[in-house]
Every structure is written in structure tokens, then in C-alpha cells.
């Protein structure tokens, strides 16, 4: 793992969820409001609670086991499991989860995708997570 990746992982772990929520709500203004956010890079889990603009009930989304897979010069996004508290969202997530989705490789963003692939590479076991 490169120094750049180690620094990015440390920054992600140290970023308070309140800051993520605050920034996301600035970006999503008029579309949705993020109320809860949890992201664990080591266990590859994420939880988001968001309320769509004009709605009263929040939508909860859980992701488990996400990674960027590398195959020669191609990159794929994989989400092993995803669920929600809404049936329509569960149906949508079922179409996405468990499949490898090819990430278009634009030459302009090649270095960025390579960095993200290293940052989100699949974790084989707990020893690799801890760098043992």
C-alpha cells in the first residue's frame, strides 16, 4: 500500500461524520437531506439515512462489502450486499448488488481511478486489513 493510500485512509477515518453530513447537505440542497452517515473503510460497510425533498419519511440504505476490482486495464465497482427500508429501493439495489459494474476509464481520470482502485481494493482477510 502506498503512502498516498495510507494517508487517504487515515483522513477518511478521522473525518467526523458531522462534517460529511454538513457538506453533503450543501451539495444536495433542494434534492435531499442527509441526516445520518456511517462509513467504515476497514469493514467495507456504509449506512446512509436521507430524506428526499418534499417527503417526510427518511430512507435508510446499508451497503456491505464494496470494492473496486482490477482486471488488466479495466476497473469494476462491486457491492456485495445492499438493502434499504423501502421495497422499491430494495428492488433497485438488488439489480446493482452482487454484480461487477465496469467503470469507464477516461484518460483524463486514469490516475484518479488507479488511486481509488488501490484505496478500495478488495480485502482478503482481517490480517490484510490491519497490515499484518
Protein backbone atom coordinates (compact mmCIF):
# COMPACT_ATOMS: atom_id res chain seq x y z
CA UNK A 1 0.00 0.00 0.00
CA UNK A 2 1.40 3.38 -0.99
CA UNK A 3 1.94 6.27 1.39
CA UNK A 4 -0.68 8.25 -0.50
CA UNK A 5 -3.26 5.50 0.10
CA UNK A 6 -2.35 5.22 3.79
CA UNK A 7 -2.79 8.97 4.18
CA UNK A 8 -6.15 8.89 2.41
CA UNK A 9 -7.38 6.03 4.61
CA UNK A 10 -6.30 7.92 7.73
CA UNK A 11 -8.03 11.08 6.54
CA UNK A 12 -11.24 9.14 5.82
CA UNK A 13 -11.17 7.54 9.26
CA UNK A 14 -10.52 10.86 11.00
CA UNK A 15 -13.18 12.88 9.17
CA UNK A 16 -16.12 13.41 11.53
CA UNK A 17 -19.47 12.23 10.20
CA UNK A 18 -20.96 15.63 11.05
CA UNK A 19 -18.66 17.29 8.51
CA UNK A 20 -19.64 14.77 5.83
CA UNK A 21 -23.33 15.37 6.57
CA UNK A 22 -22.86 19.16 6.52
CA UNK A 23 -21.04 19.14 3.15
CA UNK A 24 -23.48 16.62 1.63
CA UNK A 25 -26.44 18.77 2.66
CA UNK A 26 -24.89 21.81 0.98
CA UNK A 27 -24.48 19.81 -2.24
CA UNK A 28 -27.93 18.14 -2.01
CA UNK A 29 -29.86 21.31 -1.08
CA UNK A 30 -33.31 21.21 -2.67
CA UNK A 31 -32.94 17.49 -3.54
CA UNK A 32 -32.47 15.63 -0.27
CA UNK A 33 -31.29 16.00 3.30
CA UNK A 34 -28.72 13.61 4.74
CA UNK A 35 -29.38 13.00 8.43
CA UNK A 36 -27.17 10.03 9.30
CA UNK A 37 -23.95 8.74 7.79
CA UNK A 38 -21.58 5.97 8.82
CA UNK A 39 -18.70 4.70 6.71
CA UNK A 40 -16.17 2.06 7.71
CA UNK A 41 -13.39 1.56 5.21
CA UNK A 42 -11.92 -1.43 7.07
CA UNK A 43 -15.12 -3.49 7.16
CA UNK A 44 -16.35 -2.03 3.86
CA UNK A 45 -19.72 -1.03 5.25
CA UNK A 46 -21.75 2.14 4.88
CA UNK A 47 -25.06 3.42 6.19
CA UNK A 48 -26.92 6.49 4.98
CA UNK A 49 -30.22 7.99 6.12
CA UNK A 50 -31.60 10.54 3.69
CA UNK A 51 -34.93 12.30 3.30
CA UNK A 52 -35.91 13.29 -0.22
CA UNK A 53 -37.11 16.86 -0.69
CA UNK A 54 -40.88 17.04 -0.12
CA UNK A 55 -41.00 13.69 1.71
CA UNK A 56 -41.45 13.19 5.45
CA UNK A 57 -40.09 9.68 5.98
CA UNK A 58 -36.34 9.06 5.67
CA UNK A 59 -34.82 6.34 3.50
CA UNK A 60 -32.20 4.10 5.13
CA UNK A 61 -29.58 2.42 2.93
CA UNK A 62 -26.98 -0.12 4.09
CA UNK A 63 -24.06 -1.24 1.93
CA UNK A 64 -21.86 -4.19 2.81
CA UNK A 65 -18.75 -5.37 1.02
CA UNK A 66 -17.93 -2.75 -1.58
CA UNK A 67 -14.69 -2.70 -3.55
CA UNK A 68 -13.09 -1.72 -6.83
CA UNK A 69 -11.80 -4.76 -8.67
CA UNK A 70 -8.94 -4.60 -11.15
CA UNK A 71 -8.59 -6.80 -14.21
CA UNK A 72 -5.71 -5.88 -16.53
CA UNK A 73 -6.51 -2.30 -17.61
CA UNK A 74 -10.16 -2.43 -16.52
CA UNK A 75 -11.79 -1.45 -13.24
CA UNK A 76 -15.08 -2.67 -11.78
CA UNK A 77 -17.24 -1.48 -8.89
CA UNK A 78 -18.63 -4.32 -6.78
CA UNK A 79 -21.19 -4.01 -3.99
CA UNK A 80 -21.74 -7.41 -2.41
CA UNK A 81 -24.90 -6.59 -0.46
CA UNK A 82 -27.21 -3.61 -0.25
CA UNK A 83 -30.55 -3.12 1.45
CA UNK A 84 -32.99 -0.41 2.33
CA UNK A 85 -36.09 0.21 4.41
CA UNK A 86 -38.13 0.76 1.23
CA UNK A 87 -39.30 -2.06 -1.05
CA UNK A 88 -38.78 -0.03 -4.24
CA UNK A 89 -35.22 0.82 -3.16
CA UNK A 90 -34.55 -2.83 -2.27
CA UNK A 91 -35.63 -3.81 -5.79
CA UNK A 92 -33.29 -1.22 -7.27
CA UNK A 93 -30.38 -2.27 -5.03
CA UNK A 94 -30.98 -5.95 -5.88
CA UNK A 95 -30.24 -5.10 -9.52
CA UNK A 96 -26.95 -3.47 -8.54
CA UNK A 97 -25.62 -5.68 -5.74
CA UNK A 98 -23.60 -8.79 -6.45
CA UNK A 99 -22.51 -7.64 -9.90
CA UNK A 100 -19.30 -6.12 -11.14
CA UNK A 101 -20.01 -2.81 -12.87
CA UNK A 102 -17.35 -1.64 -15.30
CA UNK A 103 -16.02 1.83 -14.56
CA UNK A 104 -15.43 3.78 -17.77
CA UNK A 105 -11.76 4.66 -17.97
CA UNK A 106 -11.38 8.16 -19.32
CA UNK A 107 -7.73 9.03 -19.98
CA UNK A 108 -8.13 12.31 -18.10
CA UNK A 109 -9.11 10.44 -14.90
CA UNK A 110 -6.89 7.34 -15.22
CA UNK A 111 -4.64 8.26 -12.26
CA UNK A 112 -7.67 9.03 -10.10
CA UNK A 113 -9.28 5.67 -10.88
CA UNK A 114 -5.98 3.88 -10.19
CA UNK A 115 -5.77 5.63 -6.80
CA UNK A 116 -9.38 4.75 -5.94
CA UNK A 117 -8.78 1.15 -7.02
CA UNK A 118 -5.88 0.93 -4.58
CA UNK A 119 -7.87 2.64 -1.83
CA UNK A 120 -10.93 0.40 -2.28
CA UNK A 121 -9.23 -2.83 -3.34
CA UNK A 122 -10.93 -5.99 -2.04
CA UNK A 123 -9.90 -7.01 1.45
CA UNK A 124 -8.96 -10.69 1.54
CA UNK A 125 -8.91 -11.20 5.30
CA UNK A 126 -8.61 -9.44 8.65
CA UNK A 127 -4.81 -9.70 8.69
CA UNK A 128 -4.55 -7.74 5.46
CA UNK A 129 -6.92 -5.10 6.85
CA UNK A 130 -4.57 -4.47 9.73
CA UNK A 131 -1.44 -4.65 7.57
CA UNK A 132 -0.03 -7.76 9.31
